[in-house]
């Protein structure tokens, strides 16, 4: 009894595996099957209608309605049988295509497909012609000449041409589906690679930012500002929790991106509140413009570290955004120490390079980043993005 139960369980498990395998194959096979039915209706239905129309046009005695109707019915049955034979041919070619795909690029086996299609068509044509002969033998019609060897040869040649034409059409069909599927998989692979690259670039921001912030906290502790250091740690925790939850492939409205950066500025104000002035000039009509998440954070961090952190006096940081036709232009300017116009401080390129790479990965040639001095003691970083609304 236990053996029977175990055997039944094994059979049920195997059936589930087969069902699962069929489910995995079903989308592509169902699509080809549906296309096969549509093309078959057009191809074989068109062949029958063409033959029927030609017969009707040359009918001499229109009074023999029953005989003519029987002849058209036999013709319909004959072309329907041709479609059934074409179904077997299509199944053979479909399995051959699966074999070719397992060997390598299936297009390299195209000559084999042509040769096999030709041979199968030659083999199927006499079968189709013999069926016509059998129908005529069972129910001979007066309007059809007595079946002869020449008639059989003509029907065989016609069948070979029709089956070979159908085979070529079906080969084109399955190859078009394969190319479509290959393009879809390549697009999915490219999207996955782009997503991985974007995540890697986005996650570079957090260690770089964390390193700078921890240095600031260490500086506050050395100065004896324990309360400020504690508030800074809490602000850092909130900021990291918020930023780590963002999807690097997800764009956010500019107003939300600026709101995120205000959390970062709250951290830096704990140390530089007396020497940092931050202004925002963003018109209401650009608030909903989409930008990559955390794209501004390295720029603001760069302005604070190499502007406020390297200057003894007060430093102004200005963020501006505007729409220019179908483009969104965002700039961040900050004061620099006197005499540093032609010198880039150590480490300034890390965050800026990250921003340039993210824009290139996200927009390819449609997103641009530039940075450099714009006057004595003044530095500017600019983003030029396609205009998109959220």
Protein backbone atom coordinates (compact mmCIF):
# COMPACT_ATOMS: atom_id res chain seq x y z
CA UNK A 1 0.00 0.00 0.00
CA UNK A 2 2.79 2.43 0.93
CA UNK A 3 4.56 1.62 -2.34
CA UNK A 4 1.36 2.43 -4.25
CA UNK A 5 0.99 5.72 -2.41
CA UNK A 6 4.63 6.63 -3.04
CA UNK A 7 4.26 5.65 -6.71
CA UNK A 8 1.13 7.80 -7.01
CA UNK A 9 2.97 10.66 -5.37
CA UNK A 10 5.86 10.29 -7.83
CA UNK A 11 3.48 10.27 -10.80
CA UNK A 12 1.70 13.36 -9.45
CA UNK A 13 5.06 15.10 -8.95
CA UNK A 14 6.12 14.21 -12.49
CA UNK A 15 2.83 15.51 -13.86
CA UNK A 16 3.39 18.78 -12.02
CA UNK A 17 6.87 19.02 -13.53
CA UNK A 18 5.49 18.40 -17.01
CA UNK A 19 2.72 20.96 -16.43
CA UNK A 20 5.27 23.47 -15.17
CA UNK A 21 7.45 22.85 -18.23
CA UNK A 22 4.45 23.34 -20.52
CA UNK A 23 3.59 26.56 -18.71
CA UNK A 24 7.12 27.82 -19.31
CA UNK A 25 6.92 27.06 -23.05
CA UNK A 26 3.35 28.16 -23.55
CA UNK A 27 3.74 31.91 -24.23
CA UNK A 28 6.02 31.55 -27.27
CA UNK A 29 4.27 28.43 -28.56
CA UNK A 30 0.82 29.99 -28.12
CA UNK A 31 1.92 33.08 -30.03
CA UNK A 32 3.27 30.96 -32.91
CA UNK A 33 0.12 28.80 -32.86
CA UNK A 34 -2.14 31.85 -33.09
CA UNK A 35 -0.07 33.31 -35.91
CA UNK A 36 -0.12 29.91 -37.66
CA UNK A 37 -3.93 29.82 -37.54
CA UNK A 38 -4.23 33.36 -38.92
CA UNK A 39 -1.71 32.77 -41.71
CA UNK A 40 -3.25 29.35 -42.45
CA UNK A 41 -6.71 30.85 -42.87
CA UNK A 42 -5.34 33.47 -45.23
CA UNK A 43 -3.10 31.09 -47.21
CA UNK A 44 -5.33 28.02 -47.61
CA UNK A 45 -8.56 30.01 -47.52
CA UNK A 46 -7.18 32.24 -50.27
CA UNK A 47 -6.14 29.21 -52.33
CA UNK A 48 -9.64 27.70 -52.04
CA UNK A 49 -11.40 30.97 -52.85
CA UNK A 50 -9.17 31.59 -55.86
CA UNK A 51 -9.83 28.09 -57.21
CA UNK A 52 -13.57 28.39 -56.50
CA UNK A 53 -13.85 31.77 -58.22
CA UNK A 54 -12.04 30.49 -61.31
CA UNK A 55 -14.38 27.48 -61.45
CA UNK A 56 -17.51 29.61 -61.08
CA UNK A 57 -16.35 31.93 -63.86
CA UNK A 58 -16.10 29.06 -66.37
CA UNK A 59 -19.34 27.23 -65.43
CA UNK A 60 -21.31 26.63 -68.63
CA UNK A 61 -24.48 25.10 -67.22
CA UNK A 62 -25.61 27.15 -64.23
CA UNK A 63 -28.70 24.97 -63.79
CA UNK A 64 -26.75 22.10 -62.20
CA UNK A 65 -26.66 23.75 -58.78
CA UNK A 66 -26.36 20.51 -56.79
CA UNK A 67 -23.47 19.11 -58.84
CA UNK A 68 -21.61 22.42 -58.73
CA UNK A 69 -22.17 22.75 -54.99
CA UNK A 70 -20.88 19.21 -54.44
CA UNK A 71 -17.81 19.96 -56.52
CA UNK A 72 -17.08 23.12 -54.50
CA UNK A 73 -17.59 21.16 -51.28
CA UNK A 74 -15.11 18.53 -52.48
CA UNK A 75 -12.68 21.31 -53.39
CA UNK A 76 -13.11 22.82 -49.93
CA UNK A 77 -12.46 19.41 -48.37
CA UNK A 78 -9.38 18.99 -50.51
CA UNK A 79 -7.85 22.32 -49.52
CA UNK A 80 -8.80 21.66 -45.91
CA UNK A 81 -6.85 18.40 -46.16
CA UNK A 82 -3.96 20.42 -47.55
CA UNK A 83 -4.07 22.58 -44.44
CA UNK A 84 -3.99 19.46 -42.25
CA UNK A 85 -0.93 18.19 -44.13
CA UNK A 86 0.61 21.66 -43.78
CA UNK A 87 0.03 21.38 -40.03
CA UNK A 88 2.20 18.26 -39.92
CA UNK A 89 4.84 20.02 -42.01
CA UNK A 90 4.74 23.04 -39.69
CA UNK A 91 5.14 20.85 -36.61
CA UNK A 92 8.18 19.16 -38.18
CA UNK A 93 9.74 22.53 -39.03
CA UNK A 94 9.00 23.84 -35.55
CA UNK A 95 10.81 20.89 -33.97
CA UNK A 96 13.67 21.34 -36.43
CA UNK A 97 13.89 24.97 -35.36
CA UNK A 98 14.17 23.90 -31.72
CA UNK A 99 17.01 21.56 -32.66
CA UNK A 100 18.76 24.33 -34.60
CA UNK A 101 18.52 26.70 -31.63
CA UNK A 102 20.14 24.14 -29.36
CA UNK A 103 23.03 23.76 -31.81
CA UNK A 104 23.75 27.47 -31.94
CA UNK A 105 22.45 30.46 -33.95
CA UNK A 106 19.45 29.04 -35.80
CA UNK A 107 19.97 31.32 -38.81
CA UNK A 108 23.11 29.33 -39.64
CA UNK A 109 20.83 26.33 -40.26
CA UNK A 110 18.65 28.19 -42.79
CA UNK A 111 19.93 26.12 -45.78
CA UNK A 112 18.93 22.97 -43.87
CA UNK A 113 15.44 24.41 -43.38
CA UNK A 114 15.10 25.09 -47.11
CA UNK A 115 16.29 21.63 -48.13
CA UNK A 116 14.07 19.89 -45.56
CA UNK A 117 11.08 22.00 -46.60
CA UNK A 118 11.63 21.09 -50.24
CA UNK A 119 11.94 17.37 -49.51
CA UNK A 120 8.90 17.33 -47.21
CA UNK A 121 6.87 19.21 -49.80
CA UNK A 122 7.82 16.66 -52.47
CA UNK A 123 6.83 13.84 -50.10
CA UNK A 124 3.51 15.44 -49.06
CA UNK A 125 2.39 16.45 -52.55
CA UNK A 126 1.60 12.89 -53.80
CA UNK A 127 -0.40 12.26 -50.63
CA UNK A 128 -2.51 15.32 -51.33
CA UNK A 129 -2.93 14.36 -54.97
CA UNK A 130 -3.90 10.80 -53.97
CA UNK A 131 -6.58 12.19 -51.66
CA UNK A 132 -8.06 14.09 -54.61
CA UNK A 133 -8.01 10.93 -56.66
CA UNK A 134 -9.74 9.00 -53.84
CA UNK A 135 -12.48 11.62 -53.55
CA UNK A 136 -13.07 11.52 -57.29
CA UNK A 137 -13.17 7.74 -57.24
CA UNK A 138 -15.73 7.65 -54.40
CA UNK A 139 -17.96 10.34 -55.86
CA UNK A 140 -17.20 10.98 -59.54
CA UNK A 141 -18.55 14.21 -60.99
CA UNK A 142 -19.47 14.69 -64.64
CA UNK A 143 -17.90 18.15 -64.85
CA UNK A 144 -14.51 16.71 -63.89
CA UNK A 145 -12.55 14.79 -66.49
CA UNK A 146 -11.66 11.18 -65.72
CA UNK A 147 -8.66 11.03 -63.41
CA UNK A 148 -5.48 10.09 -65.30
CA UNK A 149 -1.78 9.84 -64.68
CA UNK A 150 -1.28 13.33 -66.13
CA UNK A 151 -3.89 14.68 -63.74
CA UNK A 152 -2.08 13.05 -60.83
CA UNK A 153 1.26 14.59 -61.96
CA UNK A 154 -0.33 18.04 -62.29
CA UNK A 155 -1.95 17.81 -58.85
CA UNK A 156 1.35 16.61 -57.37
CA UNK A 157 3.22 19.56 -58.88
CA UNK A 158 0.55 21.98 -57.63
CA UNK A 159 0.68 20.43 -54.15
CA UNK A 160 4.49 20.56 -54.04
CA UNK A 161 4.44 24.26 -54.97
CA UNK A 162 1.76 25.07 -52.38
CA UNK A 163 3.41 23.08 -49.59
CA UNK A 164 6.84 24.54 -50.33
CA UNK A 165 5.37 28.05 -50.39
CA UNK A 166 3.66 27.38 -47.06
CA UNK A 167 6.90 25.97 -45.60
CA UNK A 168 8.82 29.11 -46.57
CA UNK A 169 6.08 31.27 -45.06
CA UNK A 170 6.14 29.27 -41.81
CA UNK A 171 9.94 29.42 -41.62
CA UNK A 172 9.72 33.20 -41.96
CA UNK A 173 7.10 33.21 -39.22
CA UNK A 174 9.13 31.27 -36.64
CA UNK A 175 12.30 33.21 -37.44
CA UNK A 176 10.46 36.51 -37.01
CA UNK A 177 9.25 35.34 -33.60
CA UNK A 178 12.78 34.29 -32.69
CA UNK A 179 14.20 37.67 -33.70
CA UNK A 180 11.50 39.44 -31.72
CA UNK A 181 12.20 37.28 -28.67
CA UNK A 182 15.94 37.81 -29.05
CA UNK A 183 15.46 41.57 -29.25
CA UNK A 184 13.24 41.48 -26.17
CA UNK A 185 15.80 39.47 -24.21
CA UNK A 186 18.63 41.76 -25.32
CA UNK A 187 16.60 44.78 -24.22
CA UNK A 188 15.91 43.13 -20.86
CA UNK A 189 19.61 42.28 -20.44
CA UNK A 190 20.60 45.82 -21.34
CA UNK A 191 18.04 47.21 -18.89
CA UNK A 192 19.36 44.91 -16.17
CA UNK A 193 22.96 45.93 -16.90
CA UNK A 194 21.97 49.59 -16.84
CA UNK A 195 20.12 49.07 -13.57
CA UNK A 196 23.19 47.40 -12.03
CA UNK A 197 25.41 50.23 -13.23
CA UNK A 198 23.03 52.84 -11.86
CA UNK A 199 22.88 51.07 -8.49
CA UNK A 200 26.66 50.87 -8.34
CA UNK A 201 27.00 54.57 -9.12
CA UNK A 202 24.24 55.53 -6.69
CA UNK A 203 25.70 53.47 -3.89
CA UNK A 204 29.06 55.17 -4.38
CA UNK A 205 27.39 58.33 -3.09
CA UNK A 206 26.65 56.98 0.37
CA UNK A 207 30.19 55.85 1.40
CA UNK A 208 31.64 59.11 0.07
CA UNK A 209 29.03 61.18 1.86
CA UNK A 210 29.30 59.05 5.02
CA UNK A 211 33.07 59.51 5.13
CA UNK A 212 32.74 63.30 4.95
CA UNK A 213 29.94 63.42 7.52
CA UNK A 214 31.79 61.23 10.01
CA UNK A 215 34.78 63.55 9.67
CA UNK A 216 32.47 66.45 10.50
CA UNK A 217 31.13 64.61 13.55
CA UNK A 218 34.68 63.83 14.66
CA UNK A 219 35.52 67.51 14.29
CA UNK A 220 32.58 68.53 16.48
CA UNK A 221 33.63 66.04 19.16
CA UNK A 222 37.19 67.40 19.12
CA UNK A 223 35.80 70.90 19.53
CA UNK A 224 33.76 69.72 22.54
CA UNK A 225 30.38 70.29 20.86
CA UNK A 226 28.83 67.02 22.03
CA UNK A 227 25.22 68.26 21.70
CA UNK A 228 25.78 69.33 18.10
CA UNK A 229 27.50 66.02 17.36
CA UNK A 230 24.52 64.12 18.79
CA UNK A 231 22.04 66.08 16.66
CA UNK A 232 24.25 65.49 13.65
CA UNK A 233 24.26 61.72 14.25
CA UNK A 234 20.45 61.69 14.47
CA UNK A 235 20.15 63.74 11.31
CA UNK A 236 22.63 61.41 9.59
CA UNK A 237 20.55 58.38 10.61
CA UNK A 238 17.37 59.92 9.22
CA UNK A 239 19.04 60.96 5.98
CA UNK A 240 20.62 57.54 5.35
CA UNK A 241 17.37 55.74 6.12
CA UNK A 242 15.58 57.91 3.57
CA UNK A 243 18.17 57.72 0.81
CA UNK A 244 18.79 53.99 1.09
CA UNK A 245 15.09 53.32 0.52
CA UNK A 246 15.16 55.08 -2.86
CA UNK A 247 15.34 53.11 -6.09
CA UNK A 248 18.39 54.26 -8.09
CA UNK A 249 16.42 53.74 -11.32
CA UNK A 250 13.55 55.86 -10.03
CA UNK A 251 13.30 59.52 -10.96
CA UNK A 252 11.84 62.01 -8.50
CA UNK A 253 10.35 65.49 -8.91
CA UNK A 254 12.88 68.27 -8.46
CA UNK A 255 11.02 69.65 -5.45
CA UNK A 256 11.34 66.27 -3.67
CA UNK A 257 15.03 66.03 -4.56
CA UNK A 258 15.61 69.47 -3.05
CA UNK A 259 13.65 68.43 0.04
CA UNK A 260 15.99 65.44 0.42
CA UNK A 261 19.01 67.70 0.19
CA UNK A 262 17.61 69.91 2.92
CA UNK A 263 18.05 66.90 5.19
CA UNK A 264 21.71 66.79 4.21
CA UNK A 265 22.06 70.54 4.70
CA UNK A 266 20.59 70.16 8.18
CA UNK A 267 23.51 67.87 8.98
CA UNK A 268 26.11 70.32 7.70
CA UNK A 269 24.46 73.30 9.39
CA UNK A 270 25.36 71.72 12.72
CA UNK A 271 28.96 72.58 11.95
CA UNK A 272 28.93 75.44 9.44
CA UNK A 273 25.79 77.38 10.41
CA UNK A 274 27.76 80.57 11.00
CA UNK A 275 29.69 80.36 7.73
CA UNK A 276 27.23 78.91 5.25
CA UNK A 277 24.44 80.66 3.38
CA UNK A 278 22.27 78.55 1.11
CA UNK A 279 19.75 80.00 -1.35
CA UNK A 280 17.27 78.25 -3.66
CA UNK A 281 15.83 79.82 -6.80
CA UNK A 282 13.46 77.28 -8.33
CA UNK A 283 10.31 78.61 -10.05
CA UNK A 284 7.05 76.80 -9.38
CA UNK A 285 6.75 75.66 -13.00
CA UNK A 286 9.81 73.38 -12.63
CA UNK A 287 8.87 71.81 -9.29
CA UNK A 288 7.44 68.68 -10.98
CA UNK A 289 10.32 68.22 -13.41
CA UNK A 290 11.88 64.78 -13.00
CA UNK A 291 15.53 64.26 -12.07
CA UNK A 292 17.48 61.12 -11.04
CA UNK A 293 17.24 60.53 -7.31
CA UNK A 294 20.12 62.00 -5.26
CA UNK A 295 21.71 63.57 -8.33
CA UNK A 296 22.17 66.88 -6.48
CA UNK A 297 23.67 65.43 -3.30
CA UNK A 298 27.27 65.03 -4.57
CA UNK A 299 27.15 68.57 -6.01
CA UNK A 300 25.99 70.15 -2.76
CA UNK A 301 28.43 68.01 -0.79
CA UNK A 302 31.22 69.14 -3.11
CA UNK A 303 30.24 72.80 -2.68
CA UNK A 304 30.24 72.48 1.13
CA UNK A 305 33.45 70.51 1.43
CA UNK A 306 35.56 72.51 -1.02
CA UNK A 307 33.79 75.82 -0.54
CA UNK A 308 32.68 76.19 3.07
CA UNK A 309 35.20 73.72 4.48
CA UNK A 310 38.16 75.32 2.70
CA UNK A 311 37.26 78.98 3.31
CA UNK A 312 37.65 80.93 6.53
CA UNK A 313 34.90 83.45 5.75
CA UNK A 314 31.23 83.08 4.92
CA UNK A 315 30.41 81.11 1.77
CA UNK A 316 27.29 81.41 -0.35
CA UNK A 317 25.87 78.37 -2.09
CA UNK A 318 23.14 79.01 -4.66
CA UNK A 319 20.91 76.42 -6.32
CA UNK A 320 19.00 77.52 -9.41
CA UNK A 321 16.76 75.68 -11.87
CA UNK A 322 14.91 76.76 -14.97
CA UNK A 323 13.19 75.35 -18.02
CA UNK A 324 14.73 76.09 -21.40
CA UNK A 325 12.40 74.80 -24.15
CA UNK A 326 12.50 70.99 -23.77
CA UNK A 327 15.47 71.06 -21.37
CA UNK A 328 15.85 71.38 -17.61
CA UNK A 329 18.93 73.31 -16.47
CA UNK A 330 20.06 73.09 -12.85
CA UNK A 331 23.13 74.92 -11.49
CA UNK A 332 24.85 74.97 -8.12
CA UNK A 333 27.34 77.77 -7.48
CA UNK A 334 29.58 78.29 -4.49
CA UNK A 335 32.38 80.56 -3.35
CA UNK A 336 35.93 79.23 -3.44
CA UNK A 337 39.07 80.23 -1.53
CA UNK A 338 40.90 83.09 -3.26
CA UNK A 339 43.61 81.95 -5.61
CA UNK A 340 42.09 78.50 -6.25
CA UNK A 341 40.52 79.32 -9.61
CA UNK A 342 43.08 77.32 -11.56
CA UNK A 343 43.58 74.61 -8.97
CA UNK A 344 41.17 71.77 -8.28
CA UNK A 345 41.35 70.61 -4.67
CA UNK A 346 42.15 66.99 -3.93
CA UNK A 347 39.05 64.78 -4.04
CA UNK A 348 36.88 67.30 -5.88
CA UNK A 349 36.57 65.00 -8.91
CA UNK A 350 35.07 61.98 -7.11
CA UNK A 351 31.52 63.24 -6.65
CA UNK A 352 31.49 65.18 -9.91
CA UNK A 353 32.71 62.16 -11.87
CA UNK A 354 29.97 60.10 -10.26
CA UNK A 355 27.31 62.59 -11.40
CA UNK A 356 28.66 62.62 -14.97
CA UNK A 357 28.68 58.81 -15.13
CA UNK A 358 25.13 58.55 -13.75
CA UNK A 359 23.83 61.00 -16.35
CA UNK A 360 25.62 59.13 -19.12
CA UNK A 361 24.21 55.80 -17.94
CA UNK A 362 20.70 57.20 -17.50
CA UNK A 363 20.35 59.44 -20.57
CA UNK A 364 23.28 58.45 -22.81
CA UNK A 365 23.90 61.50 -25.05
CA UNK A 366 20.76 63.34 -23.92
CA UNK A 367 22.09 64.36 -20.48
CA UNK A 368 25.06 66.67 -19.93
CA UNK A 369 27.14 67.74 -16.95
CA UNK A 370 29.75 70.47 -16.73
CA UNK A 371 31.68 72.12 -13.94
CA UNK A 372 34.38 74.71 -13.48
CA UNK A 373 35.16 78.22 -12.31
CA UNK A 374 32.96 81.03 -13.64
CA UNK A 375 34.81 83.96 -12.13
CA UNK A 376 37.25 84.94 -9.40
CA UNK A 377 36.49 82.78 -6.37
CA UNK A 378 33.32 81.28 -7.88
CA UNK A 379 32.66 77.67 -8.92
CA UNK A 380 29.65 76.28 -10.82
CA UNK A 381 28.33 72.78 -11.51
CA UNK A 382 25.59 72.50 -14.16
CA UNK A 383 23.11 69.80 -15.16
CA UNK A 384 21.39 69.82 -18.56
CA UNK A 385 18.60 67.22 -18.63
CA UNK A 386 15.67 66.41 -20.92
CA UNK A 387 12.44 68.00 -19.71
CA UNK A 388 10.11 65.40 -18.19
CA UNK A 389 7.21 65.87 -15.82
CA UNK A 390 6.23 63.55 -12.97
